[in-house]
Amino acid sequence: MNNFYKGLSNLLNIFGILTFVMMLVVALQVGSWSESPYWYFGAALTWVLFIMSMSMVILAANLKFFPIPKKFEGKSIPQILEERKE
């Protein structure tokens, strides 16, 4: 795996973990908003942050464990598809 994808994978992991921590903070705050009529905004934000964090961590894992093969590096998607047809 080249350095670009390794760095991107590490960045996605860091942002995924930070987003997960933000989600936990929001989830804890939602409990104190239970008397407020707007508590569902916090609940929705919790789910959005959870989905974002899991997406980033899963994408980072895909970059790390399933790297782009060397024969496809530097080629556009149409070029790769054309080679596969042949």
PDB file of N, CA and C in Angstrom:
ATOM      1  N   MET A   1       0.855  -1.179   0.000  1.00  0.00           N
ATOM      2  CA  MET A   1       0.000   0.000   0.000  1.00  0.00           C
ATOM      3  C   MET A   1       0.898   1.238   0.000  1.00  0.00           C
ATOM      4  N   ASN A   2       0.622   2.164  -0.920  1.00  0.00           N
ATOM      5  CA  ASN A   2       1.496   3.330  -0.967  1.00  0.00           C
ATOM      6  C   ASN A   2       1.147   4.314   0.152  1.00  0.00           C
ATOM      7  N   ASN A   3       2.004   5.317   0.298  1.00  0.00           N
ATOM      8  CA  ASN A   3       1.877   6.234   1.431  1.00  0.00           C
ATOM      9  C   ASN A   3       0.601   7.050   1.400  1.00  0.00           C
ATOM     10  N   PHE A   4       0.109   7.383   0.200  1.00  0.00           N
ATOM     11  CA  PHE A   4      -1.114   8.178   0.112  1.00  0.00           C
ATOM     12  C   PHE A   4      -2.285   7.440   0.753  1.00  0.00           C
ATOM     13  N   TYR A   5      -2.459   6.174   0.390  1.00  0.00           N
ATOM     14  CA  TYR A   5      -3.588   5.414   0.926  1.00  0.00           C
ATOM     15  C   TYR A   5      -3.399   5.101   2.406  1.00  0.00           C
ATOM     16  N   LYS A   6      -2.144   4.913   2.820  1.00  0.00           N
ATOM     17  CA  LYS A   6      -1.888   4.675   4.242  1.00  0.00           C
ATOM     18  C   LYS A   6      -2.246   5.925   5.045  1.00  0.00           C
ATOM     19  N   GLY A   7      -1.849   7.091   4.541  1.00  0.00           N
ATOM     20  CA  GLY A   7      -2.182   8.342   5.218  1.00  0.00           C
ATOM     21  C   GLY A   7      -3.673   8.608   5.225  1.00  0.00           C
ATOM     22  N   LEU A   8      -4.326   8.335   4.095  1.00  0.00           N
ATOM     23  CA  LEU A   8      -5.777   8.526   4.018  1.00  0.00           C
ATOM     24  C   LEU A   8      -6.492   7.591   4.981  1.00  0.00           C
ATOM     25  N   SER A   9      -6.026   6.364   5.066  1.00  0.00           N
ATOM     26  CA  SER A   9      -6.619   5.393   5.987  1.00  0.00           C
ATOM     27  C   SER A   9      -6.466   5.855   7.436  1.00  0.00           C
ATOM     28  N   ASN A  10      -5.283   6.346   7.777  1.00  0.00           N
ATOM     29  CA  ASN A  10      -5.061   6.836   9.143  1.00  0.00           C
ATOM     30  C   ASN A  10      -5.927   8.047   9.448  1.00  0.00           C
ATOM     31  N   LEU A  11      -6.036   8.969   8.486  1.00  0.00           N
ATOM     32  CA  LEU A  11      -6.889  10.145   8.688  1.00  0.00           C
ATOM     33  C   LEU A  11      -8.348   9.755   8.885  1.00  0.00           C
ATOM     34  N   LEU A  12      -8.832   8.832   8.064  1.00  0.00           N
ATOM     35  CA  LEU A  12     -10.215   8.388   8.203  1.00  0.00           C
ATOM     36  C   LEU A  12     -10.442   7.726   9.556  1.00  0.00           C
ATOM     37  N   ASN A  13      -9.474   6.956  10.023  1.00  0.00           N
ATOM     38  CA  ASN A  13      -9.602   6.347  11.346  1.00  0.00           C
ATOM     39  C   ASN A  13      -9.670   7.403  12.437  1.00  0.00           C
ATOM     40  N   ILE A  14      -8.807   8.407  12.354  1.00  0.00           N
ATOM     41  CA  ILE A  14      -8.792   9.467  13.365  1.00  0.00           C
ATOM     42  C   ILE A  14     -10.114  10.228  13.358  1.00  0.00           C
ATOM     43  N   PHE A  15     -10.578  10.646  12.170  1.00  0.00           N
ATOM     44  CA  PHE A  15     -11.842  11.377  12.100  1.00  0.00           C
ATOM     45  C   PHE A  15     -13.018  10.496  12.511  1.00  0.00           C
ATOM     46  N   GLY A  16     -12.950   9.215  12.188  1.00  0.00           N
ATOM     47  CA  GLY A  16     -14.012   8.299  12.601  1.00  0.00           C
ATOM     48  C   GLY A  16     -14.098   8.185  14.109  1.00  0.00           C
ATOM     49  N   ILE A  17     -12.943   8.082  14.762  1.00  0.00           N
ATOM     50  CA  ILE A  17     -12.925   7.980  16.223  1.00  0.00           C
ATOM     51  C   ILE A  17     -13.385   9.287  16.857  1.00  0.00           C
ATOM     52  N   LEU A  18     -12.932  10.425  16.326  1.00  0.00           N
ATOM     53  CA  LEU A  18     -13.378  11.717  16.859  1.00  0.00           C
ATOM     54  C   LEU A  18     -14.882  11.903  16.687  1.00  0.00           C
ATOM     55  N   THR A  19     -15.410  11.498  15.547  1.00  0.00           N
ATOM     56  CA  THR A  19     -16.849  11.605  15.315  1.00  0.00           C
ATOM     57  C   THR A  19     -17.607  10.697  16.273  1.00  0.00           C
ATOM     58  N   PHE A  20     -17.055   9.514  16.548  1.00  0.00           N
ATOM     59  CA  PHE A  20     -17.695   8.600  17.491  1.00  0.00           C
ATOM     60  C   PHE A  20     -17.725   9.214  18.889  1.00  0.00           C
ATOM     61  N   VAL A  21     -16.639   9.870  19.294  1.00  0.00           N
ATOM     62  CA  VAL A  21     -16.599  10.538  20.599  1.00  0.00           C
ATOM     63  C   VAL A  21     -17.622  11.668  20.637  1.00  0.00           C
ATOM     64  N   MET A  22     -17.722  12.444  19.554  1.00  0.00           N
ATOM     65  CA  MET A  22     -18.745  13.500  19.495  1.00  0.00           C
ATOM     66  C   MET A  22     -20.136  12.903  19.631  1.00  0.00           C
ATOM     67  N   MET A  23     -20.355  11.749  18.984  1.00  0.00           N
ATOM     68  CA  MET A  23     -21.651  11.083  19.066  1.00  0.00           C
ATOM     69  C   MET A  23     -21.952  10.695  20.509  1.00  0.00           C
ATOM     70  N   LEU A  24     -20.951  10.190  21.228  1.00  0.00           N
ATOM     71  CA  LEU A  24     -21.170   9.822  22.627  1.00  0.00           C
ATOM     72  C   LEU A  24     -21.522  11.041  23.475  1.00  0.00           C
ATOM     73  N   VAL A  25     -20.843  12.160  23.235  1.00  0.00           N
ATOM     74  CA  VAL A  25     -21.137  13.387  23.979  1.00  0.00           C
ATOM     75  C   VAL A  25     -22.566  13.848  23.698  1.00  0.00           C
ATOM     76  N   VAL A  26     -22.966  13.841  22.437  1.00  0.00           N
ATOM     77  CA  VAL A  26     -24.332  14.245  22.084  1.00  0.00           C
ATOM     78  C   VAL A  26     -25.337  13.289  22.708  1.00  0.00           C
ATOM     79  N   ALA A  27     -25.040  11.986  22.682  1.00  0.00           N
ATOM     80  CA  ALA A  27     -25.960  11.003  23.260  1.00  0.00           C
ATOM     81  C   ALA A  27     -26.134  11.238  24.757  1.00  0.00           C
ATOM     82  N   LEU A  28     -25.056  11.595  25.443  1.00  0.00           N
ATOM     83  CA  LEU A  28     -25.171  11.883  26.876  1.00  0.00           C
ATOM     84  C   LEU A  28     -25.978  13.153  27.121  1.00  0.00           C
ATOM     85  N   GLN A  29     -25.848  14.134  26.238  1.00  0.00           N
ATOM     86  CA  GLN A  29     -26.606  15.373  26.388  1.00  0.00           C
ATOM     87  C   GLN A  29     -28.092  15.171  26.125  1.00  0.00           C
ATOM     88  N   VAL A  30     -28.428  14.235  25.248  1.00  0.00           N
ATOM     89  CA  VAL A  30     -29.836  13.995  24.921  1.00  0.00           C
ATOM     90  C   VAL A  30     -30.603  13.595  26.178  1.00  0.00           C
ATOM     91  N   GLY A  31     -29.953  12.874  27.074  1.00  0.00           N
ATOM     92  CA  GLY A  31     -30.606  12.481  28.321  1.00  0.00           C
ATOM     93  C   GLY A  31     -31.033  13.678  29.147  1.00  0.00           C
ATOM     94  N   SER A  32     -30.245  14.752  29.116  1.00  0.00           N
ATOM     95  CA  SER A  32     -30.613  15.945  29.882  1.00  0.00           C
ATOM     96  C   SER A  32     -31.627  16.812  29.135  1.00  0.00           C
ATOM     97  N   TRP A  33     -31.883  16.492  27.850  1.00  0.00           N
ATOM     98  CA  TRP A  33     -32.867  17.258  27.090  1.00  0.00           C
ATOM     99  C   TRP A  33     -34.247  16.613  27.126  1.00  0.00           C
ATOM    100  N   SER A  34     -34.430  15.601  27.958  1.00  0.00           N
ATOM    101  CA  SER A  34     -35.672  14.827  27.894  1.00  0.00           C
ATOM    102  C   SER A  34     -36.906  15.674  28.196  1.00  0.00           C
ATOM    103  N   GLU A  35     -36.755  16.753  28.962  1.00  0.00           N
ATOM    104  CA  GLU A  35     -37.906  17.618  29.234  1.00  0.00           C
ATOM    105  C   GLU A  35     -38.167  18.582  28.078  1.00  0.00           C
ATOM    106  N   SER A  36     -37.182  18.757  27.228  1.00  0.00           N
ATOM    107  CA  SER A  36     -37.305  19.696  26.115  1.00  0.00           C
ATOM    108  C   SER A  36     -38.109  19.075  24.975  1.00  0.00           C
ATOM    109  N   PRO A  37     -38.906  19.890  24.290  1.00  0.00           N
ATOM    110  CA  PRO A  37     -39.648  19.342  23.141  1.00  0.00           C
ATOM    111  C   PRO A  37     -38.745  19.053  21.940  1.00  0.00           C
ATOM    112  N   TYR A  38     -37.479  19.452  21.992  1.00  0.00           N
ATOM    113  CA  TYR A  38     -36.569  19.286  20.858  1.00  0.00           C
ATOM    114  C   TYR A  38     -35.563  18.163  21.069  1.00  0.00           C
ATOM    115  N   TRP A  39     -35.839  17.242  21.980  1.00  0.00           N
ATOM    116  CA  TRP A  39     -34.881  16.176  22.273  1.00  0.00           C
ATOM    117  C   TRP A  39     -34.624  15.297  21.056  1.00  0.00           C
ATOM    118  N   TYR A  40     -35.612  15.202  20.154  1.00  0.00           N
ATOM    119  CA  TYR A  40     -35.450  14.312  18.995  1.00  0.00           C
ATOM    120  C   TYR A  40     -34.401  14.828  18.020  1.00  0.00           C
ATOM    121  N   PHE A  41     -34.112  16.137  18.037  1.00  0.00           N
ATOM    122  CA  PHE A  41     -33.012  16.642  17.206  1.00  0.00           C
ATOM    123  C   PHE A  41     -31.684  16.056  17.688  1.00  0.00           C
ATOM    124  N   GLY A  42     -31.522  15.992  18.997  1.00  0.00           N
ATOM    125  CA  GLY A  42     -30.313  15.387  19.549  1.00  0.00           C
ATOM    126  C   GLY A  42     -30.224  13.909  19.231  1.00  0.00           C
ATOM    127  N   ALA A  43     -31.368  13.234  19.299  1.00  0.00           N
ATOM    128  CA  ALA A  43     -31.376  11.805  18.975  1.00  0.00           C
ATOM    129  C   ALA A  43     -31.029  11.585  17.503  1.00  0.00           C
ATOM    130  N   ALA A  44     -31.579  12.422  16.632  1.00  0.00           N
ATOM    131  CA  ALA A  44     -31.275  12.302  15.199  1.00  0.00           C
ATOM    132  C   ALA A  44     -29.797  12.605  14.938  1.00  0.00           C
ATOM    133  N   LEU A  45     -29.275  13.621  15.607  1.00  0.00           N
ATOM    134  CA  LEU A  45     -27.860  13.967  15.446  1.00  0.00           C
ATOM    135  C   LEU A  45     -26.966  12.826  15.931  1.00  0.00           C
ATOM    136  N   THR A  46     -27.386  12.160  16.996  1.00  0.00           N
ATOM    137  CA  THR A  46     -26.628  11.011  17.493  1.00  0.00           C
ATOM    138  C   THR A  46     -26.522   9.938  16.420  1.00  0.00           C
ATOM    139  N   TRP A  47     -27.636   9.627  15.772  1.00  0.00           N
ATOM    140  CA  TRP A  47     -27.614   8.593  14.727  1.00  0.00           C
ATOM    141  C   TRP A  47     -26.782   9.029  13.523  1.00  0.00           C
ATOM    142  N   VAL A  48     -26.895  10.288  13.142  1.00  0.00           N
ATOM    143  CA  VAL A  48     -26.116  10.786  12.000  1.00  0.00           C
ATOM    144  C   VAL A  48     -24.620  10.685  12.298  1.00  0.00           C
ATOM    145  N   LEU A  49     -24.224  11.097  13.489  1.00  0.00           N
ATOM    146  CA  LEU A  49     -22.807  11.022  13.852  1.00  0.00           C
ATOM    147  C   LEU A  49     -22.331   9.580  13.946  1.00  0.00           C
ATOM    148  N   PHE A  50     -23.185   8.697  14.447  1.00  0.00           N
ATOM    149  CA  PHE A  50     -22.817   7.282  14.536  1.00  0.00           C
ATOM    150  C   PHE A  50     -22.599   6.697  13.143  1.00  0.00           C
ATOM    151  N   ILE A  51     -23.515   6.982  12.230  1.00  0.00           N
ATOM    152  CA  ILE A  51     -23.388   6.464  10.862  1.00  0.00           C
ATOM    153  C   ILE A  51     -22.144   7.037  10.182  1.00  0.00           C
ATOM    154  N   MET A  52     -21.883   8.336  10.385  1.00  0.00           N
ATOM    155  CA  MET A  52     -20.690   8.941   9.794  1.00  0.00           C
ATOM    156  C   MET A  52     -19.416   8.293  10.331  1.00  0.00           C
ATOM    157  N   SER A  53     -19.360   8.090  11.646  1.00  0.00           N
ATOM    158  CA  SER A  53     -18.138   7.523  12.229  1.00  0.00           C
ATOM    159  C   SER A  53     -17.919   6.091  11.758  1.00  0.00           C
ATOM    160  N   MET A  54     -18.973   5.302  11.714  1.00  0.00           N
ATOM    161  CA  MET A  54     -18.821   3.919  11.254  1.00  0.00           C
ATOM    162  C   MET A  54     -18.439   3.874   9.772  1.00  0.00           C
ATOM    163  N   SER A  55     -18.993   4.784   8.974  1.00  0.00           N
ATOM    164  CA  SER A  55     -18.645   4.829   7.551  1.00  0.00           C
ATOM    165  C   SER A  55     -17.163   5.135   7.363  1.00  0.00           C
ATOM    166  N   MET A  56     -16.657   6.102   8.135  1.00  0.00           N
ATOM    167  CA  MET A  56     -15.245   6.458   8.004  1.00  0.00           C
ATOM    168  C   MET A  56     -14.339   5.313   8.429  1.00  0.00           C
ATOM    169  N   VAL A  57     -14.676   4.646   9.529  1.00  0.00           N
ATOM    170  CA  VAL A  57     -13.836   3.547  10.013  1.00  0.00           C
ATOM    171  C   VAL A  57     -13.878   2.373   9.036  1.00  0.00           C
ATOM    172  N   ILE A  58     -15.055   2.075   8.480  1.00  0.00           N
ATOM    173  CA  ILE A  58     -15.168   0.973   7.517  1.00  0.00           C
ATOM    174  C   ILE A  58     -14.394   1.296   6.239  1.00  0.00           C
ATOM    175  N   LEU A  59     -14.499   2.538   5.757  1.00  0.00           N
ATOM    176  CA  LEU A  59     -13.751   2.928   4.563  1.00  0.00           C
ATOM    177  C   LEU A  59     -12.245   2.843   4.818  1.00  0.00           C
ATOM    178  N   ALA A  60     -11.817   3.273   5.999  1.00  0.00           N
ATOM    179  CA  ALA A  60     -10.394   3.185   6.334  1.00  0.00           C
ATOM    180  C   ALA A  60      -9.929   1.735   6.359  1.00  0.00           C
ATOM    181  N   ALA A  61     -10.757   0.852   6.901  1.00  0.00           N
ATOM    182  CA  ALA A  61     -10.391  -0.569   6.935  1.00  0.00           C
ATOM    183  C   ALA A  61     -10.317  -1.134   5.523  1.00  0.00           C
ATOM    184  N   ASN A  62     -11.237  -0.714   4.660  1.00  0.00           N
ATOM    185  CA  ASN A  62     -11.196  -1.184   3.274  1.00  0.00           C
ATOM    186  C   ASN A  62      -9.930  -0.715   2.573  1.00  0.00           C
ATOM    187  N   LEU A  63      -9.524   0.521   2.809  1.00  0.00           N
ATOM    188  CA  LEU A  63      -8.295   1.020   2.192  1.00  0.00           C
ATOM    189  C   LEU A  63      -7.077   0.272   2.719  1.00  0.00           C
ATOM    190  N   LYS A  64      -7.109  -0.077   3.998  1.00  0.00           N
ATOM    191  CA  LYS A  64      -5.947  -0.725   4.605  1.00  0.00           C
ATOM    192  C   LYS A  64      -5.854  -2.201   4.227  1.00  0.00           C
ATOM    193  N   PHE A  65      -6.973  -2.914   4.266  1.00  0.00           N
ATOM    194  CA  PHE A  65      -6.928  -4.362   4.070  1.00  0.00           C
ATOM    195  C   PHE A  65      -7.190  -4.797   2.633  1.00  0.00           C
ATOM    196  N   PHE A  66      -7.788  -3.920   1.824  1.00  0.00           N
ATOM    197  CA  PHE A  66      -8.042  -4.245   0.422  1.00  0.00           C
ATOM    198  C   PHE A  66      -7.480  -3.134  -0.453  1.00  0.00           C
ATOM    199  N   PRO A  67      -6.154  -3.003  -0.501  1.00  0.00           N
ATOM    200  CA  PRO A  67      -5.564  -1.900  -1.267  1.00  0.00           C
ATOM    201  C   PRO A  67      -5.799  -2.071  -2.766  1.00  0.00           C
ATOM    202  N   ILE A  68      -5.666  -0.965  -3.469  1.00  0.00           N
ATOM    203  CA  ILE A  68      -5.819  -0.988  -4.920  1.00  0.00           C
ATOM    204  C   ILE A  68      -4.626  -1.740  -5.510  1.00  0.00           C
ATOM    205  N   PRO A  69      -4.855  -2.737  -6.361  1.00  0.00           N
ATOM    206  CA  PRO A  69      -3.738  -3.491  -6.952  1.00  0.00           C
ATOM    207  C   PRO A  69      -2.810  -2.577  -7.748  1.00  0.00           C
ATOM    208  N   LYS A  70      -1.536  -2.931  -7.761  1.00  0.00           N
ATOM    209  CA  LYS A  70      -0.525  -2.116  -8.446  1.00  0.00           C
ATOM    210  C   LYS A  70      -0.856  -1.905  -9.923  1.00  0.00           C
ATOM    211  N   LYS A  71      -1.446  -2.915 -10.575  1.00  0.00           N
ATOM    212  CA  LYS A  71      -1.703  -2.780 -12.008  1.00  0.00           C
ATOM    213  C   LYS A  71      -2.780  -1.738 -12.310  1.00  0.00           C
ATOM    214  N   PHE A  72      -3.564  -1.326 -11.298  1.00  0.00           N
ATOM    215  CA  PHE A  72      -4.608  -0.326 -11.514  1.00  0.00           C
ATOM    216  C   PHE A  72      -4.208   1.071 -11.052  1.00  0.00           C
ATOM    217  N   GLU A  73      -3.074   1.210 -10.373  1.00  0.00           N
ATOM    218  CA  GLU A  73      -2.677   2.519  -9.861  1.00  0.00           C
ATOM    219  C   GLU A  73      -2.373   3.474 -11.008  1.00  0.00           C
ATOM    220  N   GLY A  74      -2.867   4.689 -10.892  1.00  0.00           N
ATOM    221  CA  GLY A  74      -2.621   5.709 -11.897  1.00  0.00           C
ATOM    222  C   GLY A  74      -3.524   5.624 -13.106  1.00  0.00           C
ATOM    223  N   LYS A  75      -4.490   4.720 -13.106  1.00  0.00           N
ATOM    224  CA  LYS A  75      -5.404   4.575 -14.241  1.00  0.00           C
ATOM    225  C   LYS A  75      -6.797   5.043 -13.840  1.00  0.00           C
ATOM    226  N   SER A  76      -7.508   5.561 -14.821  1.00  0.00           N
ATOM    227  CA  SER A  76      -8.879   5.984 -14.555  1.00  0.00           C
ATOM    228  C   SER A  76      -9.812   4.775 -14.601  1.00  0.00           C
ATOM    229  N   ILE A  77     -10.999   4.946 -14.066  1.00  0.00           N
ATOM    230  CA  ILE A  77     -11.970   3.842 -14.034  1.00  0.00           C
ATOM    231  C   ILE A  77     -12.332   3.370 -15.441  1.00  0.00           C
ATOM    232  N   PRO A  78     -12.569   4.271 -16.418  1.00  0.00           N
ATOM    233  CA  PRO A  78     -12.855   3.770 -17.773  1.00  0.00           C
ATOM    234  C   PRO A  78     -11.716   2.931 -18.361  1.00  0.00           C
ATOM    235  N   GLN A  79     -10.465   3.298 -18.075  1.00  0.00           N
ATOM    236  CA  GLN A  79      -9.328   2.509 -18.567  1.00  0.00           C
ATOM    237  C   GLN A  79      -9.327   1.115 -17.945  1.00  0.00           C
ATOM    238  N   ILE A  80      -9.613   1.042 -16.662  1.00  0.00           N
ATOM    239  CA  ILE A  80      -9.645  -0.258 -15.977  1.00  0.00           C
ATOM    240  C   ILE A  80     -10.759  -1.121 -16.548  1.00  0.00           C
ATOM    241  N   LEU A  81     -11.933  -0.522 -16.764  1.00  0.00           N
ATOM    242  CA  LEU A  81     -13.057  -1.286 -17.314  1.00  0.00           C
ATOM    243  C   LEU A  81     -12.749  -1.769 -18.726  1.00  0.00           C
ATOM    244  N   GLU A  82     -12.067  -0.939 -19.507  1.00  0.00           N
ATOM    245  CA  GLU A  82     -11.705  -1.331 -20.870  1.00  0.00           C
ATOM    246  C   GLU A  82     -10.735  -2.513 -20.850  1.00  0.00           C
ATOM    247  N   GLU A  83      -9.784  -2.498 -19.928  1.00  0.00           N
ATOM    248  CA  GLU A  83      -8.838  -3.614 -19.816  1.00  0.00           C
ATOM    249  C   GLU A  83      -9.544  -4.896 -19.399  1.00  0.00           C
ATOM    250  N   ARG A  84     -10.535  -4.793 -18.550  1.00  0.00           N
ATOM    251  CA  ARG A  84     -11.247  -5.989 -18.087  1.00  0.00           C
ATOM    252  C   ARG A  84     -12.098  -6.596 -19.191  1.00  0.00           C
ATOM    253  N   LYS A  85     -12.568  -5.753 -20.125  1.00  0.00           N
ATOM    254  CA  LYS A  85     -13.369  -6.273 -21.239  1.00  0.00           C
ATOM    255  C   LYS A  85     -12.525  -7.150 -22.152  1.00  0.00           C
ATOM    256  N   GLU A  86     -11.252  -6.791 -22.295  1.00  0.00           N
ATOM    257  CA  GLU A  86     -10.371  -7.508 -23.232  1.00  0.00           C
ATOM    258  C   GLU A  86      -9.934  -8.854 -22.736  1.00  0.00           C
TER     259      GLU A  86
END
